[in-house]
Amino acid sequence: MSGPRRLALALFAAYLATAIPVGLVKAARRLGRAAIHIGESPRDARRRVYGKAYSEAVEAIRRAIPRDAAYGLVDGDPDPLLGTPFWLRFDLAPRRAVELNRGLSPPSGLRWVVATHGSDPPLLLTADRYFSTPEHRP
């Protein structure tokens, strides 16, 4: 084996010798912090991560919309990178989300609309109320 190859191999071995223990210590610390949440219900985890207001709004929406129903989902987030509608879909599953676009007619039979807006809690409206406002009419 040539000199440069030996040097590269030695440097790689030195890197592994220092990186692996550091990585294991970090992983152990993170697992330790996560272990206190073992057995936590989805509702409690939601409250811990997103806060009381969001969690209570989601629970109220889950009670209002039957499991086998569909709801209109309106993304009012000023920052689309927040991904609030995606997490809300997850939190409201197995209810089916129908994305509502401005200017389009609502699907027939839709009874509820859930609107997101930034980090505010989601808002549940009846479809009649939502589509009766001038800015939401098709």
Protein backbone atom coordinates (compact mmCIF):
# COMPACT_ATOMS: atom_id res chain seq x y z
CA MET A 1 0.00 0.00 0.00
CA SER A 2 1.38 3.40 -0.96
CA GLY A 3 2.09 6.26 1.46
CA PRO A 4 -0.91 8.45 0.53
CA ARG A 5 -3.25 5.48 0.88
CA ARG A 6 -1.83 4.63 4.30
CA LEU A 7 -2.22 8.24 5.37
CA ALA A 8 -5.83 8.35 4.14
CA LEU A 9 -6.61 5.09 5.95
CA ALA A 10 -4.97 6.35 9.16
CA LEU A 11 -6.90 9.61 9.01
CA PHE A 12 -10.15 7.75 8.40
CA ALA A 13 -9.44 5.43 11.36
CA ALA A 14 -8.68 8.45 13.57
CA TYR A 15 -11.93 10.07 12.49
CA LEU A 16 -13.92 6.94 13.33
CA ALA A 17 -12.13 6.58 16.67
CA THR A 18 -13.28 10.05 17.68
CA ALA A 19 -16.65 10.30 15.92
CA ILE A 20 -18.17 6.99 17.01
CA PRO A 21 -17.91 7.59 20.78
CA VAL A 22 -19.23 11.15 20.42
CA GLY A 23 -22.14 9.91 18.30
CA LEU A 24 -22.95 7.14 20.78
CA VAL A 25 -22.97 9.58 23.70
CA LYS A 26 -25.30 11.96 21.83
CA ALA A 27 -27.61 9.09 20.85
CA ALA A 28 -27.72 7.81 24.44
CA ARG A 29 -28.63 11.28 25.73
CA ARG A 30 -31.42 11.67 23.18
CA LEU A 31 -32.81 8.22 23.95
CA GLY A 32 -32.73 9.05 27.64
CA ARG A 33 -34.73 12.23 27.05
CA ALA A 34 -37.19 10.35 24.86
CA ALA A 35 -37.61 7.49 27.35
CA ILE A 36 -39.60 9.64 29.75
CA HIS A 37 -42.32 9.90 27.09
CA ILE A 38 -42.75 6.14 26.56
CA GLY A 39 -46.43 5.27 26.79
CA GLU A 40 -47.53 8.85 26.23
CA SER A 41 -50.85 9.10 24.40
CA PRO A 42 -51.02 10.87 21.03
CA ARG A 43 -53.14 13.55 22.68
CA ASP A 44 -50.56 14.19 25.40
CA ALA A 45 -47.73 14.21 22.85
CA ARG A 46 -49.64 16.71 20.71
CA ARG A 47 -50.17 18.94 23.72
CA ARG A 48 -46.49 18.76 24.67
CA VAL A 49 -45.24 19.53 21.15
CA TYR A 50 -47.85 21.97 19.80
CA GLY A 51 -49.32 23.46 22.96
CA LYS A 52 -52.63 23.39 24.77
CA ALA A 53 -54.61 25.62 22.36
CA TYR A 54 -53.73 23.57 19.26
CA SER A 55 -54.34 20.28 21.05
CA GLU A 56 -57.74 21.34 22.36
CA ALA A 57 -58.77 22.64 18.93
CA VAL A 58 -57.80 19.34 17.29
CA GLU A 59 -59.67 17.34 19.91
CA ALA A 60 -62.81 19.47 19.42
CA ILE A 61 -62.59 18.99 15.64
CA ARG A 62 -62.08 15.24 16.08
CA ARG A 63 -65.25 15.10 18.20
CA ALA A 64 -67.27 17.16 15.70
CA ILE A 65 -66.32 15.35 12.48
CA PRO A 66 -67.15 11.62 12.33
CA ARG A 67 -64.26 9.25 11.63
CA ASP A 68 -65.62 8.26 8.21
CA ALA A 69 -66.45 11.81 7.06
CA ALA A 70 -64.61 14.23 4.82
CA TYR A 71 -63.77 17.84 5.58
CA GLY A 72 -62.52 20.72 3.50
CA LEU A 73 -59.00 21.82 4.34
CA VAL A 74 -58.03 25.45 3.78
CA ASP A 75 -54.40 26.45 4.04
CA GLY A 76 -54.28 30.02 5.29
CA ASP A 77 -50.65 29.86 6.38
CA PRO A 78 -48.64 32.93 5.47
CA ASP A 79 -45.56 30.69 5.43
CA PRO A 80 -46.19 27.54 3.38
CA LEU A 81 -43.00 26.00 4.77
CA LEU A 82 -44.64 25.52 8.17
CA GLY A 83 -46.57 22.53 6.83
CA THR A 84 -49.45 23.05 9.23
CA PRO A 85 -52.06 21.47 6.89
CA PHE A 86 -49.97 18.32 6.58
CA TRP A 87 -49.68 17.85 10.34
CA LEU A 88 -53.34 18.68 10.77
CA ARG A 89 -54.27 15.96 8.25
CA PHE A 90 -52.26 13.53 10.34
CA ASP A 91 -53.90 14.67 13.58
CA LEU A 92 -57.40 14.36 12.10
CA ALA A 93 -56.89 10.97 10.41
CA PRO A 94 -58.77 8.78 9.45
CA ARG A 95 -61.06 11.65 8.42
CA ARG A 96 -60.48 12.52 4.74
CA ALA A 97 -59.21 15.97 3.86
CA VAL A 98 -60.37 17.64 0.66
CA GLU A 99 -58.14 20.57 -0.26
CA LEU A 100 -60.19 23.63 -1.08
CA ASN A 101 -58.85 26.11 -3.59
CA ARG A 102 -60.12 29.65 -3.82
CA GLY A 103 -62.60 30.18 -6.63
CA LEU A 104 -63.61 26.53 -7.04
CA SER A 105 -67.01 25.13 -6.14
CA PRO A 106 -67.14 23.04 -2.98
CA PRO A 107 -67.66 19.31 -3.36
CA SER A 108 -71.25 18.26 -2.81
CA GLY A 109 -72.03 16.82 0.60
CA LEU A 110 -69.15 18.60 2.33
CA ARG A 111 -70.34 19.65 5.79
CA TRP A 112 -67.19 20.94 7.49
CA VAL A 113 -64.23 23.14 6.66
CA VAL A 114 -61.06 23.27 8.74
CA ALA A 115 -58.88 26.33 8.25
CA THR A 116 -55.26 26.74 9.30
CA HIS A 117 -53.46 30.02 9.75
CA GLY A 118 -49.82 30.03 10.79
CA SER A 119 -49.21 28.85 14.32
CA ASP A 120 -52.79 29.66 15.41
CA PRO A 121 -55.01 26.70 16.32
CA PRO A 122 -57.11 25.29 13.46
CA LEU A 123 -60.61 26.63 13.07
CA LEU A 124 -63.66 24.46 12.37
CA LEU A 125 -66.50 26.00 10.34
CA THR A 126 -69.58 24.57 8.72
CA ALA A 127 -69.21 24.48 4.94
CA ASP A 128 -72.32 26.66 4.61
CA ARG A 129 -70.78 29.35 6.80
CA TYR A 130 -67.41 29.19 5.09
CA PHE A 131 -68.81 29.40 1.56
CA SER A 132 -71.35 32.09 2.44
CA THR A 133 -68.63 34.71 2.97
CA PRO A 134 -67.94 36.78 -0.19
CA GLU A 135 -64.23 35.99 -0.35
CA HIS A 136 -64.91 32.24 -0.41
CA ARG A 137 -67.72 32.08 -2.94
CA PRO A 138 -66.84 30.31 -6.20
